Amino acid sequence: MTTVAVQTRVELLTGRTWTPVCDWDQLAPGRGVAVLLPDGQQAALFRDANDRVHAVSNRDPFTGAYVLSRGLIGSTADGRVYVASPLLKQRFDLVTGECLDDETARIPVHTTRLTDH
C-alpha cells in the first residue's frame, strides 16, 4: 500500500485566478520570501507567529527597491502585524498595506489561501 503525503500550498489571487506560489512548509514564521507573479510583479509572502499568511507588494514605495520580503516582521501594541522595510525602516500593515509611519503611503495587498494538493 502506498501512502501519499498531502502538502499544503499557498496561493495568491492574481486577477481572477488563484496562483500557487509555494508550499506552506517552505515558509518560516517571521521570515519573508519573494515570489514572482504571472504578470511579472513581485509579492512578498510572510507567515506570522500565529501561522497566518500575508502577501503584499515586494516593492518599497519610498525607495523603489524590491526588498520588503527581507524586512522584519513585528506587531504594534494593538496587534497590527507589519513588515518594516530593511532600507528606511517604514512599517507597513500586512493586512491593509497602509504605512504606519506615513499615512500618505500604502502598498498593495494580495489575497491568500491555503489548499491541499
PDB file of N, CA and C in Angstrom:
ATOM      1  N   MET A   1       0.837  -1.172   0.000  1.00  0.00           N
ATOM      2  CA  MET A   1       0.000   0.000   0.000  1.00  0.00           C
ATOM      3  C   MET A   1       0.884   1.237   0.000  1.00  0.00           C
ATOM      4  N   THR A   2       0.557   2.196  -0.844  1.00  0.00           N
ATOM      5  CA  THR A   2       1.320   3.424  -0.959  1.00  0.00           C
ATOM      6  C   THR A   2       0.588   4.536  -0.215  1.00  0.00           C
ATOM      7  N   THR A   3       1.354   5.295   0.579  1.00  0.00           N
ATOM      8  CA  THR A   3       0.798   6.437   1.280  1.00  0.00           C
ATOM      9  C   THR A   3       1.222   7.699   0.554  1.00  0.00           C
ATOM     10  N   VAL A   4       0.263   8.547   0.273  1.00  0.00           N
ATOM     11  CA  VAL A   4       0.544   9.806  -0.399  1.00  0.00           C
ATOM     12  C   VAL A   4       0.486  10.917   0.638  1.00  0.00           C
ATOM     13  N   ALA A   5       1.579  11.658   0.752  1.00  0.00           N
ATOM     14  CA  ALA A   5       1.606  12.784   1.683  1.00  0.00           C
ATOM     15  C   ALA A   5       0.882  13.967   1.058  1.00  0.00           C
ATOM     16  N   VAL A   6       0.026  14.568   1.847  1.00  0.00           N
ATOM     17  CA  VAL A   6      -0.702  15.744   1.380  1.00  0.00           C
ATOM     18  C   VAL A   6       0.111  16.970   1.769  1.00  0.00           C
ATOM     19  N   GLN A   7       0.377  17.812   0.805  1.00  0.00           N
ATOM     20  CA  GLN A   7       1.094  19.064   1.033  1.00  0.00           C
ATOM     21  C   GLN A   7       0.093  20.210   1.046  1.00  0.00           C
ATOM     22  N   THR A   8       0.349  21.189   1.884  1.00  0.00           N
ATOM     23  CA  THR A   8      -0.451  22.405   1.876  1.00  0.00           C
ATOM     24  C   THR A   8       0.293  23.441   1.056  1.00  0.00           C
ATOM     25  N   ARG A   9      -0.422  24.049   0.143  1.00  0.00           N
ATOM     26  CA  ARG A   9       0.170  25.016  -0.777  1.00  0.00           C
ATOM     27  C   ARG A   9      -0.417  26.396  -0.505  1.00  0.00           C
ATOM     28  N   VAL A  10       0.402  27.422  -0.670  1.00  0.00           N
ATOM     29  CA  VAL A  10      -0.036  28.811  -0.562  1.00  0.00           C
ATOM     30  C   VAL A  10      -0.344  29.312  -1.964  1.00  0.00           C
ATOM     31  N   GLU A  11      -1.510  29.938  -2.118  1.00  0.00           N
ATOM     32  CA  GLU A  11      -1.912  30.502  -3.402  1.00  0.00           C
ATOM     33  C   GLU A  11      -2.282  31.965  -3.221  1.00  0.00           C
ATOM     34  N   LEU A  12      -2.016  32.769  -4.268  1.00  0.00           N
ATOM     35  CA  LEU A  12      -2.397  34.181  -4.293  1.00  0.00           C
ATOM     36  C   LEU A  12      -3.427  34.398  -5.376  1.00  0.00           C
ATOM     37  N   LEU A  13      -4.378  35.263  -5.106  1.00  0.00           N
ATOM     38  CA  LEU A  13      -5.368  35.627  -6.109  1.00  0.00           C
ATOM     39  C   LEU A  13      -4.738  36.669  -7.035  1.00  0.00           C
ATOM     40  N   THR A  14      -4.573  36.291  -8.301  1.00  0.00           N
ATOM     41  CA  THR A  14      -3.995  37.199  -9.296  1.00  0.00           C
ATOM     42  C   THR A  14      -5.046  37.396 -10.377  1.00  0.00           C
ATOM     43  N   GLY A  15      -5.631  38.567 -10.388  1.00  0.00           N
ATOM     44  CA  GLY A  15      -6.765  38.802 -11.279  1.00  0.00           C
ATOM     45  C   GLY A  15      -7.949  37.983 -10.787  1.00  0.00           C
ATOM     46  N   ARG A  16      -8.389  37.041 -11.618  1.00  0.00           N
ATOM     47  CA  ARG A  16      -9.499  36.143 -11.229  1.00  0.00           C
ATOM     48  C   ARG A  16      -9.026  34.714 -11.014  1.00  0.00           C
ATOM     49  N   THR A  17      -7.711  34.522 -10.984  1.00  0.00           N
ATOM     50  CA  THR A  17      -7.138  33.183 -10.908  1.00  0.00           C
ATOM     51  C   THR A  17      -6.316  33.014  -9.641  1.00  0.00           C
ATOM     52  N   TRP A  18      -6.423  31.839  -9.034  1.00  0.00           N
ATOM     53  CA  TRP A  18      -5.569  31.506  -7.891  1.00  0.00           C
ATOM     54  C   TRP A  18      -4.259  30.942  -8.433  1.00  0.00           C
ATOM     55  N   THR A  19      -3.150  31.543  -8.023  1.00  0.00           N
ATOM     56  CA  THR A  19      -1.829  31.152  -8.491  1.00  0.00           C
ATOM     57  C   THR A  19      -1.049  30.503  -7.356  1.00  0.00           C
ATOM     58  N   PRO A  20      -0.616  29.237  -7.522  1.00  0.00           N
ATOM     59  CA  PRO A  20       0.222  28.618  -6.488  1.00  0.00           C
ATOM     60  C   PRO A  20       1.594  29.296  -6.455  1.00  0.00           C
ATOM     61  N   VAL A  21       2.074  29.625  -5.251  1.00  0.00           N
ATOM     62  CA  VAL A  21       3.361  30.316  -5.142  1.00  0.00           C
ATOM     63  C   VAL A  21       4.411  29.542  -4.348  1.00  0.00           C
ATOM     64  N   CYS A  22       4.011  28.730  -3.383  1.00  0.00           N
ATOM     65  CA  CYS A  22       4.979  27.899  -2.656  1.00  0.00           C
ATOM     66  C   CYS A  22       4.232  26.937  -1.740  1.00  0.00           C
ATOM     67  N   ASP A  23       4.954  25.962  -1.228  1.00  0.00           N
ATOM     68  CA  ASP A  23       4.387  25.056  -0.233  1.00  0.00           C
ATOM     69  C   ASP A  23       4.471  25.712   1.144  1.00  0.00           C
ATOM     70  N   TRP A  24       3.472  25.444   1.957  1.00  0.00           N
ATOM     71  CA  TRP A  24       3.370  26.010   3.311  1.00  0.00           C
ATOM     72  C   TRP A  24       4.627  25.754   4.127  1.00  0.00           C
ATOM     73  N   ASP A  25       5.163  24.559   4.048  1.00  0.00           N
ATOM     74  CA  ASP A  25       6.322  24.212   4.883  1.00  0.00           C
ATOM     75  C   ASP A  25       7.603  24.932   4.448  1.00  0.00           C
ATOM     76  N   GLN A  26       7.564  25.642   3.328  1.00  0.00           N
ATOM     77  CA  GLN A  26       8.716  26.440   2.905  1.00  0.00           C
ATOM     78  C   GLN A  26       8.745  27.815   3.568  1.00  0.00           C
ATOM     79  N   LEU A  27       7.662  28.172   4.238  1.00  0.00           N
ATOM     80  CA  LEU A  27       7.592  29.467   4.911  1.00  0.00           C
ATOM     81  C   LEU A  27       7.949  29.316   6.380  1.00  0.00           C
ATOM     82  N   ALA A  28       8.972  30.018   6.805  1.00  0.00           N
ATOM     83  CA  ALA A  28       9.365  30.013   8.220  1.00  0.00           C
ATOM     84  C   ALA A  28       8.661  31.182   8.913  1.00  0.00           C
ATOM     85  N   PRO A  29       8.081  30.943  10.085  1.00  0.00           N
ATOM     86  CA  PRO A  29       7.420  32.041  10.799  1.00  0.00           C
ATOM     87  C   PRO A  29       8.384  33.212  11.018  1.00  0.00           C
ATOM     88  N   GLY A  30       7.881  34.413  10.721  1.00  0.00           N
ATOM     89  CA  GLY A  30       8.678  35.605  10.942  1.00  0.00           C
ATOM     90  C   GLY A  30       9.641  35.958   9.822  1.00  0.00           C
ATOM     91  N   ARG A  31       9.670  35.157   8.777  1.00  0.00           N
ATOM     92  CA  ARG A  31      10.582  35.416   7.650  1.00  0.00           C
ATOM     93  C   ARG A  31       9.767  35.576   6.380  1.00  0.00           C
ATOM     94  N   GLY A  32      10.266  36.361   5.461  1.00  0.00           N
ATOM     95  CA  GLY A  32       9.568  36.582   4.208  1.00  0.00           C
ATOM     96  C   GLY A  32      10.277  35.923   3.043  1.00  0.00           C
ATOM     97  N   VAL A  33       9.522  35.708   1.971  1.00  0.00           N
ATOM     98  CA  VAL A  33      10.083  35.233   0.711  1.00  0.00           C
ATOM     99  C   VAL A  33       9.475  36.066  -0.415  1.00  0.00           C
ATOM    100  N   ALA A  34      10.265  36.274  -1.462  1.00  0.00           N
ATOM    101  CA  ALA A  34       9.771  36.985  -2.635  1.00  0.00           C
ATOM    102  C   ALA A  34       9.268  35.962  -3.638  1.00  0.00           C
ATOM    103  N   VAL A  35       8.154  36.286  -4.296  1.00  0.00           N
ATOM    104  CA  VAL A  35       7.617  35.412  -5.337  1.00  0.00           C
ATOM    105  C   VAL A  35       7.330  36.252  -6.571  1.00  0.00           C
ATOM    106  N   LEU A  36       7.560  35.643  -7.729  1.00  0.00           N
ATOM    107  CA  LEU A  36       7.293  36.295  -8.999  1.00  0.00           C
ATOM    108  C   LEU A  36       5.910  35.872  -9.475  1.00  0.00           C
ATOM    109  N   LEU A  37       5.071  36.841  -9.771  1.00  0.00           N
ATOM    110  CA  LEU A  37       3.701  36.571 -10.194  1.00  0.00           C
ATOM    111  C   LEU A  37       3.622  36.484 -11.722  1.00  0.00           C
ATOM    112  N   PRO A  38       2.558  35.879 -12.251  1.00  0.00           N
ATOM    113  CA  PRO A  38       2.452  35.699 -13.705  1.00  0.00           C
ATOM    114  C   PRO A  38       2.547  36.994 -14.515  1.00  0.00           C
ATOM    115  N   ASP A  39       2.144  38.127 -13.928  1.00  0.00           N
ATOM    116  CA  ASP A  39       2.192  39.397 -14.658  1.00  0.00           C
ATOM    117  C   ASP A  39       3.550  40.089 -14.557  1.00  0.00           C
ATOM    118  N   GLY A  40       4.533  39.429 -13.914  1.00  0.00           N
ATOM    119  CA  GLY A  40       5.865  39.989 -13.777  1.00  0.00           C
ATOM    120  C   GLY A  40       6.080  40.795 -12.507  1.00  0.00           C
ATOM    121  N   GLN A  41       5.007  41.047 -11.756  1.00  0.00           N
ATOM    122  CA  GLN A  41       5.134  41.756 -10.486  1.00  0.00           C
ATOM    123  C   GLN A  41       5.727  40.825  -9.429  1.00  0.00           C
ATOM    124  N   GLN A  42       6.224  41.414  -8.354  1.00  0.00           N
ATOM    125  CA  GLN A  42       6.748  40.644  -7.236  1.00  0.00           C
ATOM    126  C   GLN A  42       5.864  40.826  -6.020  1.00  0.00           C
ATOM    127  N   ALA A  43       5.698  39.757  -5.262  1.00  0.00           N
ATOM    128  CA  ALA A  43       4.983  39.820  -3.985  1.00  0.00           C
ATOM    129  C   ALA A  43       5.933  39.369  -2.888  1.00  0.00           C
ATOM    130  N   ALA A  44       5.723  39.901  -1.699  1.00  0.00           N
ATOM    131  CA  ALA A  44       6.448  39.472  -0.510  1.00  0.00           C
ATOM    132  C   ALA A  44       5.475  38.647   0.318  1.00  0.00           C
ATOM    133  N   LEU A  45       5.850  37.421   0.609  1.00  0.00           N
ATOM    134  CA  LEU A  45       4.978  36.475   1.294  1.00  0.00           C
ATOM    135  C   LEU A  45       5.521  36.227   2.692  1.00  0.00           C
ATOM    136  N   PHE A  46       4.644  36.292   3.697  1.00  0.00           N
ATOM    137  CA  PHE A  46       5.049  36.144   5.089  1.00  0.00           C
ATOM    138  C   PHE A  46       4.139  35.168   5.831  1.00  0.00           C
ATOM    139  N   ARG A  47       4.721  34.441   6.752  1.00  0.00           N
ATOM    140  CA  ARG A  47       3.976  33.602   7.703  1.00  0.00           C
ATOM    141  C   ARG A  47       4.252  34.205   9.079  1.00  0.00           C
ATOM    142  N   ASP A  48       3.197  34.685   9.742  1.00  0.00           N
ATOM    143  CA  ASP A  48       3.410  35.347  11.023  1.00  0.00           C
ATOM    144  C   ASP A  48       3.476  34.343  12.174  1.00  0.00           C
ATOM    145  N   ALA A  49       3.675  34.839  13.380  1.00  0.00           N
ATOM    146  CA  ALA A  49       3.834  33.985  14.561  1.00  0.00           C
ATOM    147  C   ALA A  49       2.577  33.179  14.875  1.00  0.00           C
ATOM    148  N   ASN A  50       1.418  33.607  14.353  1.00  0.00           N
ATOM    149  CA  ASN A  50       0.157  32.890  14.553  1.00  0.00           C
ATOM    150  C   ASN A  50      -0.200  32.007  13.361  1.00  0.00           C
ATOM    151  N   ASP A  51       0.799  31.734  12.501  1.00  0.00           N
ATOM    152  CA  ASP A  51       0.637  30.892  11.314  1.00  0.00           C
ATOM    153  C   ASP A  51      -0.367  31.426  10.303  1.00  0.00           C
ATOM    154  N   ARG A  52      -0.538  32.739  10.256  1.00  0.00           N
ATOM    155  CA  ARG A  52      -1.339  33.359   9.203  1.00  0.00           C
ATOM    156  C   ARG A  52      -0.405  33.749   8.067  1.00  0.00           C
ATOM    157  N   VAL A  53      -0.894  33.645   6.839  1.00  0.00           N
ATOM    158  CA  VAL A  53      -0.102  34.006   5.673  1.00  0.00           C
ATOM    159  C   VAL A  53      -0.550  35.371   5.167  1.00  0.00           C
ATOM    160  N   HIS A  54       0.431  36.212   4.862  1.00  0.00           N
ATOM    161  CA  HIS A  54       0.174  37.550   4.332  1.00  0.00           C
ATOM    162  C   HIS A  54       0.986  37.722   3.062  1.00  0.00           C
ATOM    163  N   ALA A  55       0.440  38.457   2.112  1.00  0.00           N
ATOM    164  CA  ALA A  55       1.171  38.768   0.885  1.00  0.00           C
ATOM    165  C   ALA A  55       0.935  40.232   0.525  1.00  0.00           C
ATOM    166  N   VAL A  56       2.029  40.923   0.290  1.00  0.00           N
ATOM    167  CA  VAL A  56       1.988  42.327  -0.104  1.00  0.00           C
ATOM    168  C   VAL A  56       2.960  42.525  -1.266  1.00  0.00           C
ATOM    169  N   SER A  57       2.925  43.698  -1.842  1.00  0.00           N
ATOM    170  CA  SER A  57       3.907  44.016  -2.875  1.00  0.00           C
ATOM    171  C   SER A  57       5.308  43.943  -2.273  1.00  0.00           C
ATOM    172  N   ASN A  58       6.265  43.474  -3.042  1.00  0.00           N
ATOM    173  CA  ASN A  58       7.644  43.408  -2.574  1.00  0.00           C
ATOM    174  C   ASN A  58       8.357  44.749  -2.764  1.00  0.00           C
ATOM    175  N   ARG A  59       7.721  45.701  -3.423  1.00  0.00           N
ATOM    176  CA  ARG A  59       8.351  46.988  -3.739  1.00  0.00           C
ATOM    177  C   ARG A  59       8.161  47.998  -2.612  1.00  0.00           C
ATOM    178  N   ASP A  60       9.269  48.519  -2.116  1.00  0.00           N
ATOM    179  CA  ASP A  60       9.258  49.584  -1.113  1.00  0.00           C
ATOM    180  C   ASP A  60       8.910  50.889  -1.834  1.00  0.00           C
ATOM    181  N   PRO A  61       7.771  51.522  -1.501  1.00  0.00           N
ATOM    182  CA  PRO A  61       7.368  52.727  -2.233  1.00  0.00           C
ATOM    183  C   PRO A  61       8.267  53.934  -1.970  1.00  0.00           C
ATOM    184  N   PHE A  62       9.050  53.901  -0.928  1.00  0.00           N
ATOM    185  CA  PHE A  62       9.917  55.039  -0.618  1.00  0.00           C
ATOM    186  C   PHE A  62      11.220  55.015  -1.407  1.00  0.00           C
ATOM    187  N   THR A  63      11.708  53.836  -1.763  1.00  0.00           N
ATOM    188  CA  THR A  63      12.981  53.727  -2.490  1.00  0.00           C
ATOM    189  C   THR A  63      12.821  53.130  -3.883  1.00  0.00           C
ATOM    190  N   GLY A  64      11.719  52.418  -4.119  1.00  0.00           N
ATOM    191  CA  GLY A  64      11.521  51.732  -5.390  1.00  0.00           C
ATOM    192  C   GLY A  64      12.212  50.382  -5.457  1.00  0.00           C
ATOM    193  N   ALA A  65      12.919  50.006  -4.414  1.00  0.00           N
ATOM    194  CA  ALA A  65      13.635  48.727  -4.384  1.00  0.00           C
ATOM    195  C   ALA A  65      12.689  47.579  -4.019  1.00  0.00           C
ATOM    196  N   TYR A  66      12.928  46.425  -4.588  1.00  0.00           N
ATOM    197  CA  TYR A  66      12.117  45.233  -4.326  1.00  0.00           C
ATOM    198  C   TYR A  66      12.743  44.458  -3.170  1.00  0.00           C
ATOM    199  N   VAL A  67      12.448  44.914  -1.934  1.00  0.00           N
ATOM    200  CA  VAL A  67      13.145  44.397  -0.758  1.00  0.00           C
ATOM    201  C   VAL A  67      12.251  44.052   0.434  1.00  0.00           C
ATOM    202  N   LEU A  68      10.947  44.299   0.349  1.00  0.00           N
ATOM    203  CA  LEU A  68      10.113  44.111   1.545  1.00  0.00           C
ATOM    204  C   LEU A  68      10.123  42.674   2.053  1.00  0.00           C
ATOM    205  N   SER A  69      10.354  41.699   1.176  1.00  0.00           N
ATOM    206  CA  SER A  69      10.405  40.301   1.626  1.00  0.00           C
ATOM    207  C   SER A  69      11.559  40.070   2.599  1.00  0.00           C
ATOM    208  N   ARG A  70      12.534  40.957   2.610  1.00  0.00           N
ATOM    209  CA  ARG A  70      13.674  40.842   3.524  1.00  0.00           C
ATOM    210  C   ARG A  70      13.495  41.682   4.783  1.00  0.00           C
ATOM    211  N   GLY A  71      12.324  42.295   4.940  1.00  0.00           N
ATOM    212  CA  GLY A  71      12.063  43.136   6.100  1.00  0.00           C
ATOM    213  C   GLY A  71      11.766  42.324   7.349  1.00  0.00           C
ATOM    214  N   LEU A  72      11.764  43.015   8.472  1.00  0.00           N
ATOM    215  CA  LEU A  72      11.473  42.387   9.760  1.00  0.00           C
ATOM    216  C   LEU A  72       9.982  42.470  10.048  1.00  0.00           C
ATOM    217  N   ILE A  73       9.437  41.372  10.581  1.00  0.00           N
ATOM    218  CA  ILE A  73       8.026  41.306  10.959  1.00  0.00           C
ATOM    219  C   ILE A  73       7.906  41.710  12.430  1.00  0.00           C
ATOM    220  N   GLY A  74       6.852  42.450  12.728  1.00  0.00           N
ATOM    221  CA  GLY A  74       6.578  42.830  14.107  1.00  0.00           C
ATOM    222  C   GLY A  74       5.094  43.066  14.278  1.00  0.00           C
ATOM    223  N   SER A  75       4.709  43.536  15.451  1.00  0.00           N
ATOM    224  CA  SER A  75       3.309  43.891  15.682  1.00  0.00           C
ATOM    225  C   SER A  75       3.244  45.092  16.616  1.00  0.00           C
ATOM    226  N   THR A  76       2.208  45.888  16.414  1.00  0.00           N
ATOM    227  CA  THR A  76       2.008  47.069  17.244  1.00  0.00           C
ATOM    228  C   THR A  76       1.370  46.655  18.571  1.00  0.00           C
ATOM    229  N   ALA A  77       1.280  47.601  19.485  1.00  0.00           N
ATOM    230  CA  ALA A  77       0.674  47.324  20.791  1.00  0.00           C
ATOM    231  C   ALA A  77      -0.777  46.873  20.656  1.00  0.00           C
ATOM    232  N   ASP A  78      -1.459  47.330  19.595  1.00  0.00           N
ATOM    233  CA  ASP A  78      -2.853  46.924  19.401  1.00  0.00           C
ATOM    234  C   ASP A  78      -2.993  45.701  18.494  1.00  0.00           C
ATOM    235  N   GLY A  79      -1.874  45.029  18.176  1.00  0.00           N
ATOM    236  CA  GLY A  79      -1.929  43.757  17.467  1.00  0.00           C
ATOM    237  C   GLY A  79      -1.836  43.808  15.956  1.00  0.00           C
ATOM    238  N   ARG A  80      -1.561  44.950  15.374  1.00  0.00           N
ATOM    239  CA  ARG A  80      -1.413  45.037  13.914  1.00  0.00           C
ATOM    240  C   ARG A  80      -0.064  44.443  13.506  1.00  0.00           C
ATOM    241  N   VAL A  81      -0.105  43.474  12.623  1.00  0.00           N
ATOM    242  CA  VAL A  81       1.127  42.827  12.152  1.00  0.00           C
ATOM    243  C   VAL A  81       1.675  43.647  10.987  1.00  0.00           C
ATOM    244  N   TYR A  82       2.981  43.904  11.021  1.00  0.00           N
ATOM    245  CA  TYR A  82       3.588  44.729   9.984  1.00  0.00           C
ATOM    246  C   TYR A  82       4.931  44.154   9.547  1.00  0.00           C
ATOM    247  N   VAL A  83       5.401  44.647   8.398  1.00  0.00           N
ATOM    248  CA  VAL A  83       6.768  44.399   7.952  1.00  0.00           C
ATOM    249  C   VAL A  83       7.460  45.756   7.929  1.00  0.00           C
ATOM    250  N   ALA A  84       8.683  45.799   8.457  1.00  0.00           N
ATOM    251  CA  ALA A  84       9.490  47.014   8.420  1.00  0.00           C
ATOM    252  C   ALA A  84      10.471  46.893   7.261  1.00  0.00           C
ATOM    253  N   SER A  85      10.477  47.882   6.403  1.00  0.00           N
ATOM    254  CA  SER A  85      11.388  47.868   5.263  1.00  0.00           C
ATOM    255  C   SER A  85      12.834  47.773   5.750  1.00  0.00           C
ATOM    256  N   PRO A  86      13.648  46.931   5.103  1.00  0.00           N
ATOM    257  CA  PRO A  86      15.045  46.818   5.527  1.00  0.00           C
ATOM    258  C   PRO A  86      15.886  48.049   5.166  1.00  0.00           C
ATOM    259  N   LEU A  87      15.345  48.930   4.337  1.00  0.00           N
ATOM    260  CA  LEU A  87      16.130  50.097   3.924  1.00  0.00           C
ATOM    261  C   LEU A  87      15.902  51.301   4.832  1.00  0.00           C
ATOM    262  N   LEU A  88      14.711  51.881   4.793  1.00  0.00           N
ATOM    263  CA  LEU A  88      14.454  53.098   5.566  1.00  0.00           C
ATOM    264  C   LEU A  88      13.606  52.847   6.812  1.00  0.00           C
ATOM    265  N   LYS A  89      13.221  51.600   7.031  1.00  0.00           N
ATOM    266  CA  LYS A  89      12.526  51.140   8.250  1.00  0.00           C
ATOM    267  C   LYS A  89      11.064  51.537   8.383  1.00  0.00           C
ATOM    268  N   GLN A  90      10.431  52.063   7.317  1.00  0.00           N
ATOM    269  CA  GLN A  90       8.997  52.328   7.408  1.00  0.00           C
ATOM    270  C   GLN A  90       8.264  51.005   7.599  1.00  0.00           C
ATOM    271  N   ARG A  91       7.205  51.041   8.400  1.00  0.00           N
ATOM    272  CA  ARG A  91       6.421  49.844   8.707  1.00  0.00           C
ATOM    273  C   ARG A  91       5.129  49.843   7.899  1.00  0.00           C
ATOM    274  N   PHE A  92       4.821  48.667   7.313  1.00  0.00           N
ATOM    275  CA  PHE A  92       3.616  48.506   6.503  1.00  0.00           C
ATOM    276  C   PHE A  92       2.744  47.418   7.098  1.00  0.00           C
ATOM    277  N   ASP A  93       1.471  47.766   7.353  1.00  0.00           N
ATOM    278  CA  ASP A  93       0.494  46.816   7.878  1.00  0.00           C
ATOM    279  C   ASP A  93       0.301  45.706   6.854  1.00  0.00           C
ATOM    280  N   LEU A  94       0.454  44.452   7.270  1.00  0.00           N
ATOM    281  CA  LEU A  94       0.346  43.319   6.345  1.00  0.00           C
ATOM    282  C   LEU A  94      -1.094  42.976   5.977  1.00  0.00           C
ATOM    283  N   VAL A  95      -2.069  43.531   6.666  1.00  0.00           N
ATOM    284  CA  VAL A  95      -3.475  43.283   6.341  1.00  0.00           C
ATOM    285  C   VAL A  95      -4.021  44.366   5.413  1.00  0.00           C
ATOM    286  N   THR A  96      -3.695  45.616   5.704  1.00  0.00           N
ATOM    287  CA  THR A  96      -4.260  46.726   4.931  1.00  0.00           C
ATOM    288  C   THR A  96      -3.289  47.331   3.918  1.00  0.00           C
ATOM    289  N   GLY A  97      -1.992  47.159   4.126  1.00  0.00           N
ATOM    290  CA  GLY A  97      -0.983  47.751   3.266  1.00  0.00           C
ATOM    291  C   GLY A  97      -0.621  49.179   3.623  1.00  0.00           C
ATOM    292  N   GLU A  98      -1.316  49.774   4.603  1.00  0.00           N
ATOM    293  CA  GLU A  98      -1.015  51.161   4.915  1.00  0.00           C
ATOM    294  C   GLU A  98       0.305  51.282   5.680  1.00  0.00           C
ATOM    295  N   CYS A  99       0.989  52.398   5.421  1.00  0.00           N
ATOM    296  CA  CYS A  99       2.242  52.684   6.105  1.00  0.00           C
ATOM    297  C   CYS A  99       1.908  53.235   7.486  1.00  0.00           C
ATOM    298  N   LEU A 100       2.469  52.634   8.519  1.00  0.00           N
ATOM    299  CA  LEU A 100       2.185  53.067   9.887  1.00  0.00           C
ATOM    300  C   LEU A 100       2.969  54.318  10.259  1.00  0.00           C
ATOM    301  N   ASP A 101       3.928  54.709   9.412  1.00  0.00           N
ATOM    302  CA  ASP A 101       4.779  55.856   9.703  1.00  0.00           C
ATOM    303  C   ASP A 101       4.527  57.055   8.793  1.00  0.00           C
ATOM    304  N   ASP A 102       3.730  56.868   7.750  1.00  0.00           N
ATOM    305  CA  ASP A 102       3.426  57.946   6.807  1.00  0.00           C
ATOM    306  C   ASP A 102       2.072  57.638   6.176  1.00  0.00           C
ATOM    307  N   GLU A 103       1.035  58.322   6.625  1.00  0.00           N
ATOM    308  CA  GLU A 103      -0.328  57.996   6.183  1.00  0.00           C
ATOM    309  C   GLU A 103      -0.570  58.233   4.697  1.00  0.00           C
ATOM    310  N   THR A 104       0.352  58.874   4.005  1.00  0.00           N
ATOM    311  CA  THR A 104       0.178  59.094   2.571  1.00  0.00           C
ATOM    312  C   THR A 104       0.668  57.916   1.731  1.00  0.00           C
ATOM    313  N   ALA A 105       1.325  56.948   2.360  1.00  0.00           N
ATOM    314  CA  ALA A 105       1.887  55.810   1.615  1.00  0.00           C
ATOM    315  C   ALA A 105       1.122  54.528   1.919  1.00  0.00           C
ATOM    316  N   ARG A 106       1.086  53.660   0.912  1.00  0.00           N
ATOM    317  CA  ARG A 106       0.387  52.374   1.036  1.00  0.00           C
ATOM    318  C   ARG A 106       0.995  51.423   0.016  1.00  0.00           C
ATOM    319  N   ILE A 107       0.975  50.124   0.330  1.00  0.00           N
ATOM    320  CA  ILE A 107       1.430  49.110  -0.616  1.00  0.00           C
ATOM    321  C   ILE A 107       0.264  48.177  -0.938  1.00  0.00           C
ATOM    322  N   PRO A 108       0.247  47.604  -2.138  1.00  0.00           N
ATOM    323  CA  PRO A 108      -0.814  46.653  -2.489  1.00  0.00           C
ATOM    324  C   PRO A 108      -0.750  45.393  -1.615  1.00  0.00           C
ATOM    325  N   VAL A 109      -1.928  44.865  -1.298  1.00  0.00           N
ATOM    326  CA  VAL A 109      -2.068  43.635  -0.520  1.00  0.00           C
ATOM    327  C   VAL A 109      -2.693  42.582  -1.425  1.00  0.00           C
ATOM    328  N   HIS A 110      -2.211  41.352  -1.340  1.00  0.00           N
ATOM    329  CA  HIS A 110      -2.745  40.243  -2.137  1.00  0.00           C
ATOM    330  C   HIS A 110      -3.557  39.300  -1.256  1.00  0.00           C
ATOM    331  N   THR A 111      -4.656  38.802  -1.792  1.00  0.00           N
ATOM    332  CA  THR A 111      -5.472  37.808  -1.092  1.00  0.00           C
ATOM    333  C   THR A 111      -4.781  36.459  -1.176  1.00  0.00           C
ATOM    334  N   THR A 112      -4.729  35.748  -0.044  1.00  0.00           N
ATOM    335  CA  THR A 112      -4.063  34.443   0.002  1.00  0.00           C
ATOM    336  C   THR A 112      -5.048  33.359   0.435  1.00  0.00           C
ATOM    337  N   ARG A 113      -4.695  32.123   0.112  1.00  0.00           N
ATOM    338  CA  ARG A 113      -5.443  30.979   0.639  1.00  0.00           C
ATOM    339  C   ARG A 113      -4.481  29.796   0.710  1.00  0.00           C
ATOM    340  N   LEU A 114      -4.849  28.828   1.543  1.00  0.00           N
ATOM    341  CA  LEU A 114      -4.111  27.574   1.664  1.00  0.00           C
ATOM    342  C   LEU A 114      -4.943  26.463   1.049  1.00  0.00           C
ATOM    343  N   THR A 115      -4.307  25.612   0.255  1.00  0.00           N
ATOM    344  CA  THR A 115      -5.006  24.471  -0.334  1.00  0.00           C
ATOM    345  C   THR A 115      -4.158  23.222  -0.166  1.00  0.00           C
ATOM    346  N   ASP A 116      -4.797  22.085  -0.154  1.00  0.00           N
ATOM    347  CA  ASP A 116      -4.080  20.810  -0.104  1.00  0.00           C
ATOM    348  C   ASP A 116      -3.920  20.298  -1.519  1.00  0.00           C
ATOM    349  N   HIS A 117      -2.766  19.721  -1.774  1.00  0.00           N
ATOM    350  CA  HIS A 117      -2.532  19.144  -3.112  1.00  0.00           C
ATOM    351  C   HIS A 117      -1.741  17.867  -2.987  1.00  0.00           C
TER     352      HIS A 117
END
